[in-house]
Amino acid sequence: MEYGVQVNNQAAFVYEGESFDKGTLHLKGDEALKYCRMRYDDPRGDLGRNSRQRAVIQSVMQNAASLTGVTHFHSLLNTLGNSVRTNMTFEEMKKLVANYKPQNESLTTTEISGKGEMIGGIWYYQVDAAERTRIHNRLKEQLIQAN
């Protein structure tokens, strides 16, 4: 079994000595972590970093949902070792994977539009009233669909 995550990188960059070409990448461990962390050279800043983090998490969940047996799941957990801490039991993890699998194909994300602004020496992400209403309505739609 090959470990790692597959992502579609939108723009080539170098971060902490690691090169990330544009296009489909297969990342393992430290590579995936570096891929997720870069933000200062990203033209989209935190939003670009957030997008890469979502891509890695989605790939991890797809990999977990596609595991074909408990043996592979145990192997995955052993590989993660001390890199992950959780208070979830193994049974709860299996339930999460089983319940997530059917939802995996219909996963959608929404980015909140706004602009960064320095106020009193601290950066804030300002979101106007129309965007807040759009997000509120989107969340409401999703909650109604979930019930």
N, C-alpha and C. Protein backbone atom coordinates (compact mmCIF):
# COMPACT_ATOMS: atom_id res chain seq x y z
N MET A 1 0.86 -1.18 0.00
CA MET A 1 0.00 0.00 0.00
C MET A 1 0.89 1.23 0.00
N GLU A 2 0.60 2.18 -0.88
CA GLU A 2 1.38 3.41 -0.96
C GLU A 2 0.72 4.48 -0.10
N TYR A 3 1.51 5.10 0.76
CA TYR A 3 0.99 6.12 1.65
C TYR A 3 1.24 7.49 1.08
N GLY A 4 0.49 8.44 1.54
CA GLY A 4 0.64 9.82 1.10
C GLY A 4 -0.69 10.36 0.61
N VAL A 5 -0.63 11.60 0.13
CA VAL A 5 -1.82 12.26 -0.38
C VAL A 5 -1.56 12.76 -1.79
N GLN A 6 -2.62 12.82 -2.57
CA GLN A 6 -2.51 13.35 -3.92
C GLN A 6 -3.28 14.66 -3.98
N VAL A 7 -2.63 15.70 -4.49
CA VAL A 7 -3.24 17.02 -4.60
C VAL A 7 -2.96 17.59 -5.98
N ASN A 8 -3.77 18.56 -6.38
CA ASN A 8 -3.55 19.27 -7.63
C ASN A 8 -3.05 20.67 -7.26
N ASN A 9 -1.76 20.89 -7.40
CA ASN A 9 -1.14 22.15 -7.03
C ASN A 9 -1.38 23.20 -8.11
N GLN A 10 -1.93 24.33 -7.70
CA GLN A 10 -2.31 25.38 -8.65
C GLN A 10 -1.14 26.24 -9.12
N ALA A 11 -0.07 26.32 -8.33
CA ALA A 11 1.07 27.17 -8.70
C ALA A 11 2.35 26.60 -8.10
N ALA A 12 3.40 26.55 -8.91
CA ALA A 12 4.69 26.04 -8.44
C ALA A 12 5.27 26.97 -7.38
N PHE A 13 5.93 26.38 -6.37
CA PHE A 13 6.61 27.18 -5.36
C PHE A 13 7.66 26.34 -4.65
N VAL A 14 8.55 27.02 -3.94
CA VAL A 14 9.56 26.36 -3.11
C VAL A 14 9.32 26.83 -1.69
N TYR A 15 9.32 25.89 -0.76
CA TYR A 15 9.13 26.24 0.65
C TYR A 15 10.04 25.37 1.50
N GLU A 16 10.83 26.00 2.34
CA GLU A 16 11.77 25.33 3.23
C GLU A 16 12.58 24.26 2.50
N GLY A 17 13.10 24.63 1.32
CA GLY A 17 13.97 23.74 0.56
C GLY A 17 13.27 22.68 -0.26
N GLU A 18 11.96 22.64 -0.21
CA GLU A 18 11.18 21.64 -0.95
C GLU A 18 10.50 22.32 -2.14
N SER A 19 10.65 21.74 -3.35
CA SER A 19 10.02 22.28 -4.56
C SER A 19 8.69 21.58 -4.81
N PHE A 20 7.70 22.38 -5.13
CA PHE A 20 6.37 21.87 -5.44
C PHE A 20 5.99 22.36 -6.83
N ASP A 21 6.00 21.46 -7.80
CA ASP A 21 5.65 21.82 -9.18
C ASP A 21 4.15 22.01 -9.30
N LYS A 22 3.75 22.74 -10.34
CA LYS A 22 2.34 22.89 -10.64
C LYS A 22 1.82 21.57 -11.19
N GLY A 23 0.59 21.21 -10.82
CA GLY A 23 -0.02 19.99 -11.32
C GLY A 23 -0.25 18.96 -10.22
N THR A 24 -0.48 17.73 -10.62
CA THR A 24 -0.76 16.66 -9.67
C THR A 24 0.50 16.26 -8.92
N LEU A 25 0.42 16.25 -7.60
CA LEU A 25 1.56 15.89 -6.75
C LEU A 25 1.15 14.76 -5.82
N HIS A 26 2.09 13.87 -5.53
CA HIS A 26 1.90 12.85 -4.50
C HIS A 26 2.85 13.21 -3.37
N LEU A 27 2.30 13.55 -2.21
CA LEU A 27 3.09 14.04 -1.08
C LEU A 27 3.02 13.10 0.10
N LYS A 28 4.12 12.96 0.78
CA LYS A 28 4.19 12.14 1.98
C LYS A 28 4.68 12.99 3.15
N GLY A 29 4.23 12.70 4.33
CA GLY A 29 4.72 13.26 5.58
C GLY A 29 5.13 14.72 5.54
N ASP A 30 6.45 14.95 5.68
CA ASP A 30 6.98 16.31 5.76
C ASP A 30 6.67 17.13 4.51
N GLU A 31 6.63 16.47 3.35
CA GLU A 31 6.30 17.20 2.12
C GLU A 31 4.88 17.78 2.21
N ALA A 32 3.94 16.98 2.66
CA ALA A 32 2.56 17.44 2.78
C ALA A 32 2.46 18.56 3.81
N LEU A 33 3.20 18.45 4.89
CA LEU A 33 3.18 19.49 5.92
C LEU A 33 3.72 20.80 5.36
N LYS A 34 4.83 20.75 4.65
CA LYS A 34 5.40 21.96 4.04
C LYS A 34 4.43 22.54 3.00
N TYR A 35 3.83 21.67 2.22
CA TYR A 35 2.86 22.10 1.21
C TYR A 35 1.72 22.90 1.87
N CYS A 36 1.29 22.44 3.03
CA CYS A 36 0.19 23.10 3.74
C CYS A 36 0.60 24.41 4.40
N ARG A 37 1.84 24.53 4.79
CA ARG A 37 2.26 25.67 5.61
C ARG A 37 2.57 26.95 4.84
N MET A 38 3.03 26.85 3.59
CA MET A 38 3.46 28.04 2.87
C MET A 38 2.31 29.02 2.69
N ARG A 39 2.57 30.29 2.97
CA ARG A 39 1.54 31.31 2.72
C ARG A 39 2.11 32.63 2.28
N TYR A 40 3.31 33.02 2.76
CA TYR A 40 3.81 34.36 2.48
C TYR A 40 4.13 34.59 1.01
N ASP A 41 4.54 33.56 0.28
CA ASP A 41 4.83 33.70 -1.14
C ASP A 41 3.62 33.37 -2.01
N ASP A 42 2.51 33.01 -1.39
CA ASP A 42 1.30 32.69 -2.13
C ASP A 42 0.58 33.99 -2.45
N PRO A 43 0.25 34.24 -3.72
CA PRO A 43 -0.45 35.48 -4.06
C PRO A 43 -1.79 35.62 -3.33
N ARG A 44 -2.36 34.50 -2.89
CA ARG A 44 -3.63 34.54 -2.16
C ARG A 44 -3.43 34.50 -0.64
N GLY A 45 -2.18 34.48 -0.18
CA GLY A 45 -1.88 34.50 1.25
C GLY A 45 -2.53 33.36 2.01
N ASP A 46 -3.22 33.71 3.09
CA ASP A 46 -3.88 32.71 3.93
C ASP A 46 -4.93 31.92 3.16
N LEU A 47 -5.60 32.56 2.21
CA LEU A 47 -6.63 31.85 1.45
C LEU A 47 -6.02 30.74 0.61
N GLY A 48 -4.86 31.00 0.02
CA GLY A 48 -4.16 29.96 -0.73
C GLY A 48 -3.73 28.82 0.17
N ARG A 49 -3.21 29.19 1.35
CA ARG A 49 -2.80 28.15 2.31
C ARG A 49 -4.01 27.34 2.75
N ASN A 50 -5.12 28.00 3.02
CA ASN A 50 -6.34 27.30 3.42
C ASN A 50 -6.79 26.32 2.35
N SER A 51 -6.69 26.73 1.09
CA SER A 51 -7.08 25.87 -0.02
C SER A 51 -6.20 24.64 -0.08
N ARG A 52 -4.89 24.81 0.10
CA ARG A 52 -3.99 23.65 0.09
C ARG A 52 -4.26 22.73 1.28
N GLN A 53 -4.54 23.30 2.44
CA GLN A 53 -4.85 22.49 3.61
C GLN A 53 -6.11 21.67 3.38
N ARG A 54 -7.14 22.28 2.79
CA ARG A 54 -8.38 21.55 2.49
C ARG A 54 -8.10 20.39 1.54
N ALA A 55 -7.27 20.65 0.53
CA ALA A 55 -6.96 19.60 -0.46
C ALA A 55 -6.28 18.41 0.21
N VAL A 56 -5.37 18.68 1.13
CA VAL A 56 -4.66 17.59 1.83
C VAL A 56 -5.64 16.83 2.72
N ILE A 57 -6.47 17.54 3.46
CA ILE A 57 -7.44 16.88 4.35
C ILE A 57 -8.42 16.04 3.53
N GLN A 58 -8.89 16.58 2.41
CA GLN A 58 -9.81 15.82 1.56
C GLN A 58 -9.15 14.56 1.02
N SER A 59 -7.88 14.66 0.65
CA SER A 59 -7.16 13.48 0.15
C SER A 59 -6.98 12.45 1.25
N VAL A 60 -6.68 12.90 2.45
CA VAL A 60 -6.54 11.97 3.59
C VAL A 60 -7.87 11.25 3.82
N MET A 61 -8.97 12.00 3.80
CA MET A 61 -10.28 11.39 4.04
C MET A 61 -10.66 10.43 2.91
N GLN A 62 -10.31 10.78 1.67
CA GLN A 62 -10.59 9.87 0.55
C GLN A 62 -9.80 8.58 0.71
N ASN A 63 -8.53 8.73 1.11
CA ASN A 63 -7.71 7.54 1.34
C ASN A 63 -8.28 6.68 2.45
N ALA A 64 -8.70 7.33 3.53
CA ALA A 64 -9.25 6.58 4.66
C ALA A 64 -10.55 5.89 4.26
N ALA A 65 -11.39 6.58 3.49
CA ALA A 65 -12.67 6.00 3.08
C ALA A 65 -12.49 4.84 2.12
N SER A 66 -11.37 4.82 1.40
CA SER A 66 -11.16 3.76 0.42
C SER A 66 -10.41 2.56 0.99
N LEU A 67 -10.01 2.61 2.25
CA LEU A 67 -9.32 1.47 2.85
C LEU A 67 -10.24 0.26 2.81
N THR A 68 -9.69 -0.87 2.42
CA THR A 68 -10.55 -2.03 2.20
C THR A 68 -10.68 -2.95 3.40
N GLY A 69 -9.98 -2.69 4.47
CA GLY A 69 -10.12 -3.60 5.61
C GLY A 69 -9.52 -3.01 6.87
N VAL A 70 -9.87 -3.61 7.96
CA VAL A 70 -9.38 -3.15 9.26
C VAL A 70 -7.86 -3.25 9.31
N THR A 71 -7.26 -4.25 8.68
CA THR A 71 -5.81 -4.40 8.67
C THR A 71 -5.15 -3.16 8.11
N HIS A 72 -5.67 -2.65 6.98
CA HIS A 72 -5.10 -1.44 6.39
C HIS A 72 -5.31 -0.24 7.31
N PHE A 73 -6.47 -0.19 7.96
CA PHE A 73 -6.76 0.92 8.87
C PHE A 73 -5.78 0.89 10.04
N HIS A 74 -5.53 -0.31 10.60
CA HIS A 74 -4.55 -0.44 11.68
C HIS A 74 -3.16 -0.02 11.19
N SER A 75 -2.82 -0.41 9.97
CA SER A 75 -1.53 -0.06 9.39
C SER A 75 -1.39 1.46 9.26
N LEU A 76 -2.47 2.10 8.80
CA LEU A 76 -2.46 3.56 8.68
C LEU A 76 -2.25 4.21 10.04
N LEU A 77 -2.98 3.75 11.04
CA LEU A 77 -2.84 4.32 12.38
C LEU A 77 -1.44 4.10 12.93
N ASN A 78 -0.86 2.94 12.69
CA ASN A 78 0.50 2.67 13.15
C ASN A 78 1.50 3.59 12.46
N THR A 79 1.29 3.87 11.18
CA THR A 79 2.17 4.77 10.44
C THR A 79 2.08 6.18 10.99
N LEU A 80 0.88 6.61 11.34
CA LEU A 80 0.71 7.96 11.89
C LEU A 80 1.40 8.08 13.24
N GLY A 81 1.38 7.01 14.00
CA GLY A 81 2.09 6.96 15.27
C GLY A 81 1.86 8.17 16.15
N ASN A 82 2.95 8.79 16.57
CA ASN A 82 2.89 9.93 17.48
C ASN A 82 2.63 11.25 16.78
N SER A 83 2.42 11.22 15.46
CA SER A 83 2.18 12.45 14.71
C SER A 83 0.78 13.00 14.93
N VAL A 84 -0.13 12.16 15.40
CA VAL A 84 -1.51 12.57 15.59
C VAL A 84 -1.94 12.23 17.01
N ARG A 85 -2.64 13.16 17.63
CA ARG A 85 -3.20 12.91 18.95
C ARG A 85 -4.71 13.09 18.86
N THR A 86 -5.45 12.19 19.47
CA THR A 86 -6.90 12.28 19.47
C THR A 86 -7.44 11.57 20.71
N ASN A 87 -8.64 11.95 21.09
CA ASN A 87 -9.31 11.24 22.17
C ASN A 87 -10.36 10.28 21.61
N MET A 88 -10.35 10.11 20.28
CA MET A 88 -11.29 9.18 19.65
C MET A 88 -10.80 7.75 19.84
N THR A 89 -11.76 6.87 20.06
CA THR A 89 -11.42 5.45 20.15
C THR A 89 -11.29 4.89 18.73
N PHE A 90 -10.71 3.71 18.62
CA PHE A 90 -10.59 3.06 17.32
C PHE A 90 -11.98 2.83 16.72
N GLU A 91 -12.94 2.42 17.55
CA GLU A 91 -14.31 2.19 17.07
C GLU A 91 -14.92 3.48 16.53
N GLU A 92 -14.68 4.60 17.21
CA GLU A 92 -15.20 5.89 16.74
C GLU A 92 -14.56 6.28 15.41
N MET A 93 -13.27 5.98 15.25
CA MET A 93 -12.59 6.28 13.98
C MET A 93 -13.18 5.46 12.85
N LYS A 94 -13.44 4.18 13.11
CA LYS A 94 -14.03 3.33 12.08
C LYS A 94 -15.41 3.86 11.67
N LYS A 95 -16.20 4.30 12.66
CA LYS A 95 -17.52 4.86 12.37
C LYS A 95 -17.40 6.12 11.53
N LEU A 96 -16.44 6.97 11.87
CA LEU A 96 -16.23 8.21 11.13
C LEU A 96 -15.93 7.90 9.67
N VAL A 97 -15.03 6.98 9.44
CA VAL A 97 -14.66 6.60 8.07
C VAL A 97 -15.87 6.01 7.35
N ALA A 98 -16.60 5.12 8.01
CA ALA A 98 -17.76 4.48 7.38
C ALA A 98 -18.84 5.50 7.06
N ASN A 99 -19.06 6.45 7.95
CA ASN A 99 -20.10 7.46 7.72
C ASN A 99 -19.66 8.52 6.71
N TYR A 100 -18.37 8.75 6.61
CA TYR A 100 -17.87 9.77 5.70
C TYR A 100 -17.88 9.28 4.26
N LYS A 101 -17.62 8.01 4.06
CA LYS A 101 -17.45 7.46 2.71
C LYS A 101 -18.59 7.84 1.76
N PRO A 102 -19.86 7.67 2.14
CA PRO A 102 -20.93 8.03 1.20
C PRO A 102 -20.97 9.52 0.88
N GLN A 103 -20.49 10.36 1.80
CA GLN A 103 -20.53 11.80 1.61
C GLN A 103 -19.35 12.32 0.80
N ASN A 104 -18.33 11.51 0.67
CA ASN A 104 -17.08 11.92 0.05
C ASN A 104 -17.26 12.48 -1.35
N GLU A 105 -18.14 11.90 -2.14
CA GLU A 105 -18.33 12.33 -3.52
C GLU A 105 -19.08 13.65 -3.63
N SER A 106 -19.85 14.02 -2.62
CA SER A 106 -20.67 15.22 -2.70
C SER A 106 -20.12 16.37 -1.86
N LEU A 107 -18.87 16.28 -1.46
CA LEU A 107 -18.27 17.32 -0.62
C LEU A 107 -18.11 18.61 -1.41
N THR A 108 -18.58 19.70 -0.84
CA THR A 108 -18.39 21.02 -1.46
C THR A 108 -17.79 21.95 -0.42
N THR A 109 -17.08 22.96 -0.90
CA THR A 109 -16.51 23.96 0.00
C THR A 109 -16.93 25.34 -0.48
N THR A 110 -16.92 26.27 0.43
CA THR A 110 -17.25 27.66 0.12
C THR A 110 -16.20 28.55 0.74
N GLU A 111 -15.69 29.46 -0.05
CA GLU A 111 -14.70 30.41 0.47
C GLU A 111 -15.41 31.71 0.80
N ILE A 112 -15.07 32.29 1.92
CA ILE A 112 -15.66 33.55 2.36
C ILE A 112 -14.84 34.69 1.76
N SER A 113 -15.52 35.57 1.01
CA SER A 113 -14.84 36.71 0.38
C SER A 113 -14.73 37.87 1.36
N GLY A 114 -13.61 38.51 1.34
CA GLY A 114 -13.39 39.67 2.19
C GLY A 114 -12.05 40.29 1.86
N LYS A 115 -11.57 41.14 2.77
CA LYS A 115 -10.26 41.75 2.56
C LYS A 115 -9.55 41.91 3.90
N GLY A 116 -8.23 41.79 3.84
CA GLY A 116 -7.43 41.96 5.04
C GLY A 116 -7.26 43.43 5.37
N GLU A 117 -7.25 43.73 6.65
CA GLU A 117 -7.08 45.12 7.08
C GLU A 117 -6.36 45.14 8.42
N MET A 118 -5.39 46.05 8.54
CA MET A 118 -4.64 46.20 9.79
C MET A 118 -5.39 47.21 10.68
N ILE A 119 -5.76 46.76 11.88
CA ILE A 119 -6.45 47.63 12.84
C ILE A 119 -5.72 47.50 14.17
N GLY A 120 -5.16 48.58 14.62
CA GLY A 120 -4.45 48.56 15.91
C GLY A 120 -3.29 47.59 15.94
N GLY A 121 -2.60 47.43 14.80
CA GLY A 121 -1.44 46.55 14.75
C GLY A 121 -1.78 45.07 14.58
N ILE A 122 -3.05 44.74 14.37
CA ILE A 122 -3.48 43.35 14.20
C ILE A 122 -4.22 43.24 12.87
N TRP A 123 -3.92 42.15 12.11
CA TRP A 123 -4.61 41.91 10.84
C TRP A 123 -5.96 41.28 11.11
N TYR A 124 -6.99 41.83 10.46
CA TYR A 124 -8.35 41.29 10.53
C TYR A 124 -8.83 40.99 9.12
N TYR A 125 -9.65 39.99 8.98
CA TYR A 125 -10.26 39.68 7.70
C TYR A 125 -11.67 40.27 7.75
N GLN A 126 -11.88 41.31 6.98
CA GLN A 126 -13.16 42.04 6.98
C GLN A 126 -14.11 41.43 5.95
N VAL A 127 -15.31 41.11 6.39
CA VAL A 127 -16.33 40.51 5.54
C VAL A 127 -17.54 41.44 5.55
N ASP A 128 -17.96 41.89 4.37
CA ASP A 128 -19.08 42.84 4.33
C ASP A 128 -20.41 42.14 4.60
N ALA A 129 -21.45 42.96 4.81
CA ALA A 129 -22.77 42.44 5.21
C ALA A 129 -23.36 41.50 4.16
N ALA A 130 -23.21 41.83 2.89
CA ALA A 130 -23.76 40.97 1.84
C ALA A 130 -23.12 39.58 1.86
N GLU A 131 -21.80 39.53 2.07
CA GLU A 131 -21.11 38.25 2.12
C GLU A 131 -21.51 37.46 3.37
N ARG A 132 -21.67 38.15 4.50
CA ARG A 132 -22.11 37.46 5.71
C ARG A 132 -23.50 36.85 5.51
N THR A 133 -24.38 37.58 4.82
CA THR A 133 -25.72 37.07 4.53
C THR A 133 -25.63 35.86 3.61
N ARG A 134 -24.77 35.93 2.58
CA ARG A 134 -24.60 34.81 1.66
C ARG A 134 -24.15 33.56 2.41
N ILE A 135 -23.17 33.71 3.30
CA ILE A 135 -22.64 32.57 4.07
C ILE A 135 -23.71 32.04 5.02
N HIS A 136 -24.42 32.94 5.66
CA HIS A 136 -25.50 32.54 6.58
C HIS A 136 -26.53 31.68 5.83
N ASN A 137 -26.94 32.15 4.65
CA ASN A 137 -27.94 31.42 3.86
C ASN A 137 -27.39 30.08 3.38
N ARG A 138 -26.13 30.05 3.01
CA ARG A 138 -25.49 28.80 2.55
C ARG A 138 -25.47 27.77 3.68
N LEU A 139 -25.08 28.20 4.88
CA LEU A 139 -25.07 27.30 6.04
C LEU A 139 -26.48 26.80 6.35
N LYS A 140 -27.44 27.70 6.29
CA LYS A 140 -28.83 27.34 6.56
C LYS A 140 -29.31 26.27 5.56
N GLU A 141 -28.99 26.46 4.27
CA GLU A 141 -29.35 25.48 3.24
C GLU A 141 -28.75 24.11 3.55
N GLN A 142 -27.48 24.12 3.93
CA GLN A 142 -26.80 22.85 4.21
C GLN A 142 -27.41 22.15 5.42
N LEU A 143 -27.76 22.90 6.45
CA LEU A 143 -28.36 22.31 7.64
C LEU A 143 -29.74 21.72 7.32
N ILE A 144 -30.50 22.41 6.47
CA ILE A 144 -31.82 21.91 6.09
C ILE A 144 -31.66 20.62 5.28
N GLN A 145 -30.68 20.59 4.37
CA GLN A 145 -30.44 19.38 3.56
C GLN A 145 -29.98 18.21 4.42
N ALA A 146 -29.26 18.50 5.48
CA ALA A 146 -28.72 17.43 6.35
C ALA A 146 -29.82 16.78 7.19
N ASN A 147 -30.90 17.48 7.38
CA ASN A 147 -31.99 16.93 8.22
C ASN A 147 -32.98 16.21 7.42
